[in-house]
Amino acid sequence: MKFVLMIFHGTTPLPGTPAWDALGKEEQGRIYAEYQALNQTPGLEQGLPLGHKTAARTVTVVNGKPQVAIGPYQEGAGGFAILEADTIEQAIEVAAKVPAARLGGAVEVRPAEKYW
């Protein structure tokens, strides 16, 4: 079964920010190593990294006309991955290894389903 892991940064320190710089080089290296180790997880396919939330545009349709708002629909998703696993419990184990989950963000796990 396929699961989608949606990664939300929340208050996670991100590269290029003062919060990231405050971590120190050793901690930054550990975080990069954790993400690199995740990339080696069997059945895990990383999605493309999402751009900064300020570059996002949210489109809705009101009375048949598109409405565009600057920014994310909700507090910004930072990325996603697709995981092939037997159970949601296995997917949760992988999601718990995403550094953002312990650094101020969260990882949402959803079964991938076909609706059409």
C-alpha atoms as a PDB file:
ATOM      1  CA  MET A   1       0.000   0.000   0.000  1.00  0.00           C
ATOM      2  CA  LYS A   2       1.209   3.521  -0.712  1.00  0.00           C
ATOM      3  CA  PHE A   3       1.197   6.269   1.885  1.00  0.00           C
ATOM      4  CA  VAL A   4       1.770   9.984   1.411  1.00  0.00           C
ATOM      5  CA  LEU A   5       3.915  11.656   4.063  1.00  0.00           C
ATOM      6  CA  MET A   6       3.165  15.398   4.084  1.00  0.00           C
ATOM      7  CA  ILE A   7       5.915  17.298   5.882  1.00  0.00           C
ATOM      8  CA  PHE A   8       4.948  20.531   7.614  1.00  0.00           C
ATOM      9  CA  HIS A   9       7.786  22.715   8.803  1.00  0.00           C
ATOM     10  CA  GLY A  10       5.937  24.618  11.512  1.00  0.00           C
ATOM     11  CA  THR A  11       8.683  26.330  13.524  1.00  0.00           C
ATOM     12  CA  THR A  12      11.412  23.986  12.252  1.00  0.00           C
ATOM     13  CA  PRO A  13      14.642  25.937  11.657  1.00  0.00           C
ATOM     14  CA  LEU A  14      15.220  26.060   7.894  1.00  0.00           C
ATOM     15  CA  PRO A  15      18.519  26.586   6.065  1.00  0.00           C
ATOM     16  CA  GLY A  16      19.149  30.230   5.287  1.00  0.00           C
ATOM     17  CA  THR A  17      17.308  31.518   8.374  1.00  0.00           C
ATOM     18  CA  PRO A  18      18.673  32.933  11.648  1.00  0.00           C
ATOM     19  CA  ALA A  19      17.077  29.995  13.521  1.00  0.00           C
ATOM     20  CA  TRP A  20      19.071  27.566  11.366  1.00  0.00           C
ATOM     21  CA  ASP A  21      22.291  29.512  11.890  1.00  0.00           C
ATOM     22  CA  ALA A  22      21.707  29.419  15.655  1.00  0.00           C
ATOM     23  CA  LEU A  23      21.825  25.600  15.636  1.00  0.00           C
ATOM     24  CA  GLY A  24      25.545  25.400  15.005  1.00  0.00           C
ATOM     25  CA  LYS A  25      27.358  23.420  12.334  1.00  0.00           C
ATOM     26  CA  GLU A  26      27.346  20.109  14.239  1.00  0.00           C
ATOM     27  CA  GLU A  27      23.562  20.056  14.725  1.00  0.00           C
ATOM     28  CA  GLN A  28      23.005  21.212  11.141  1.00  0.00           C
ATOM     29  CA  GLY A  29      25.165  18.300   9.970  1.00  0.00           C
ATOM     30  CA  ARG A  30      23.157  15.835  12.081  1.00  0.00           C
ATOM     31  CA  ILE A  31      19.888  17.088  10.594  1.00  0.00           C
ATOM     32  CA  TYR A  32      21.216  16.806   7.039  1.00  0.00           C
ATOM     33  CA  ALA A  33      22.459  13.282   7.849  1.00  0.00           C
ATOM     34  CA  GLU A  34      19.022  12.294   9.194  1.00  0.00           C
ATOM     35  CA  TYR A  35      17.335  13.430   5.972  1.00  0.00           C
ATOM     36  CA  GLN A  36      19.990  11.639   3.924  1.00  0.00           C
ATOM     37  CA  ALA A  37      19.385   8.434   5.907  1.00  0.00           C
ATOM     38  CA  LEU A  38      15.640   8.760   5.251  1.00  0.00           C
ATOM     39  CA  ASN A  39      16.373   8.863   1.535  1.00  0.00           C
ATOM     40  CA  GLN A  40      17.848   5.360   1.873  1.00  0.00           C
ATOM     41  CA  THR A  41      14.631   3.928   3.377  1.00  0.00           C
ATOM     42  CA  PRO A  42      13.347   1.061   1.207  1.00  0.00           C
ATOM     43  CA  GLY A  43      10.055   1.975  -0.440  1.00  0.00           C
ATOM     44  CA  LEU A  44      10.444   5.720   0.188  1.00  0.00           C
ATOM     45  CA  GLU A  45      10.314   8.053  -2.801  1.00  0.00           C
ATOM     46  CA  GLN A  46      11.019  11.696  -2.037  1.00  0.00           C
ATOM     47  CA  GLY A  47       8.769  14.251  -3.672  1.00  0.00           C
ATOM     48  CA  LEU A  48      10.185  17.437  -5.079  1.00  0.00           C
ATOM     49  CA  PRO A  49      10.976  20.002  -2.387  1.00  0.00           C
ATOM     50  CA  LEU A  50       8.311  22.674  -2.240  1.00  0.00           C
ATOM     51  CA  GLY A  51       9.317  26.299  -2.657  1.00  0.00           C
ATOM     52  CA  HIS A  52       9.029  28.863   0.109  1.00  0.00           C
ATOM     53  CA  LYS A  53       5.480  29.487   1.301  1.00  0.00           C
ATOM     54  CA  THR A  54       5.682  33.159   0.294  1.00  0.00           C
ATOM     55  CA  ALA A  55       5.954  31.999  -3.332  1.00  0.00           C
ATOM     56  CA  ALA A  56       2.738  29.974  -3.052  1.00  0.00           C
ATOM     57  CA  ARG A  57      -0.555  31.056  -4.578  1.00  0.00           C
ATOM     58  CA  THR A  58      -3.847  29.621  -3.385  1.00  0.00           C
ATOM     59  CA  VAL A  59      -6.577  29.356  -6.001  1.00  0.00           C
ATOM     60  CA  THR A  60     -10.261  29.078  -5.182  1.00  0.00           C
ATOM     61  CA  VAL A  61     -13.258  29.567  -7.436  1.00  0.00           C
ATOM     62  CA  VAL A  62     -16.055  31.881  -6.302  1.00  0.00           C
ATOM     63  CA  ASN A  63     -19.132  32.325  -8.498  1.00  0.00           C
ATOM     64  CA  GLY A  64     -17.302  30.636 -11.357  1.00  0.00           C
ATOM     65  CA  LYS A  65     -14.312  33.006 -11.198  1.00  0.00           C
ATOM     66  CA  PRO A  66     -10.831  32.100  -9.989  1.00  0.00           C
ATOM     67  CA  GLN A  67      -9.677  33.947  -6.888  1.00  0.00           C
ATOM     68  CA  VAL A  68      -5.955  33.990  -6.153  1.00  0.00           C
ATOM     69  CA  ALA A  69      -4.501  34.645  -2.712  1.00  0.00           C
ATOM     70  CA  ILE A  70      -0.793  35.043  -2.016  1.00  0.00           C
ATOM     71  CA  GLY A  71       0.548  32.353   0.287  1.00  0.00           C
ATOM     72  CA  PRO A  72      -0.273  28.761   1.184  1.00  0.00           C
ATOM     73  CA  TYR A  73      -3.791  27.462   1.728  1.00  0.00           C
ATOM     74  CA  GLN A  74      -2.901  26.530   5.282  1.00  0.00           C
ATOM     75  CA  GLU A  75       0.330  26.831   7.225  1.00  0.00           C
ATOM     76  CA  GLY A  76       2.865  25.654   4.764  1.00  0.00           C
ATOM     77  CA  ALA A  77       3.595  22.158   3.740  1.00  0.00           C
ATOM     78  CA  GLY A  78       7.339  21.897   3.245  1.00  0.00           C
ATOM     79  CA  GLY A  79       7.473  18.730   1.211  1.00  0.00           C
ATOM     80  CA  PHE A  80       6.147  15.247   0.732  1.00  0.00           C
ATOM     81  CA  ALA A  81       7.238  11.691   0.113  1.00  0.00           C
ATOM     82  CA  ILE A  82       5.541   8.544  -1.109  1.00  0.00           C
ATOM     83  CA  LEU A  83       6.143   5.403   0.932  1.00  0.00           C
ATOM     84  CA  GLU A  84       5.354   1.828  -0.009  1.00  0.00           C
ATOM     85  CA  ALA A  85       4.602  -0.005   3.248  1.00  0.00           C
ATOM     86  CA  ASP A  86       2.443  -2.863   4.429  1.00  0.00           C
ATOM     87  CA  THR A  87       0.705  -0.975   7.246  1.00  0.00           C
ATOM     88  CA  ILE A  88       0.045   2.539   8.446  1.00  0.00           C
ATOM     89  CA  GLU A  89       2.056   1.671  11.568  1.00  0.00           C
ATOM     90  CA  GLN A  90       5.118   1.124   9.379  1.00  0.00           C
ATOM     91  CA  ALA A  91       4.469   4.457   7.674  1.00  0.00           C
ATOM     92  CA  ILE A  92       4.225   6.149  11.080  1.00  0.00           C
ATOM     93  CA  GLU A  93       7.600   4.664  12.063  1.00  0.00           C
ATOM     94  CA  VAL A  94       9.185   6.261   8.988  1.00  0.00           C
ATOM     95  CA  ALA A  95       7.361   9.566   9.533  1.00  0.00           C
ATOM     96  CA  ALA A  96       8.723   9.724  13.079  1.00  0.00           C
ATOM     97  CA  LYS A  97      12.262   9.771  11.638  1.00  0.00           C
ATOM     98  CA  VAL A  98      11.666  13.014   9.708  1.00  0.00           C
ATOM     99  CA  PRO A  99      13.634  15.689  11.604  1.00  0.00           C
ATOM    100  CA  ALA A 100      10.878  18.285  11.105  1.00  0.00           C
ATOM    101  CA  ALA A 101       8.614  16.123  13.299  1.00  0.00           C
ATOM    102  CA  ARG A 102      10.836  16.827  16.336  1.00  0.00           C
ATOM    103  CA  LEU A 103      12.035  20.313  15.429  1.00  0.00           C
ATOM    104  CA  GLY A 104       8.713  22.167  15.535  1.00  0.00           C
ATOM    105  CA  GLY A 105       6.853  20.701  12.589  1.00  0.00           C
ATOM    106  CA  ALA A 106       4.808  17.587  11.902  1.00  0.00           C
ATOM    107  CA  VAL A 107       4.368  14.810   9.371  1.00  0.00           C
ATOM    108  CA  GLU A 108       0.872  13.858   8.240  1.00  0.00           C
ATOM    109  CA  VAL A 109       0.496  10.261   7.049  1.00  0.00           C
ATOM    110  CA  ARG A 110      -2.323   9.387   4.648  1.00  0.00           C
ATOM    111  CA  PRO A 111      -3.055   6.269   2.649  1.00  0.00           C
ATOM    112  CA  ALA A 112      -2.920   7.039  -1.062  1.00  0.00           C
ATOM    113  CA  GLU A 113      -6.277   6.252  -2.626  1.00  0.00           C
ATOM    114  CA  LYS A 114      -7.667   6.373  -6.116  1.00  0.00           C
ATOM    115  CA  TYR A 115     -10.921   8.304  -6.345  1.00  0.00           C
ATOM    116  CA  TRP A 116     -11.467   8.340 -10.099  1.00  0.00           C
END
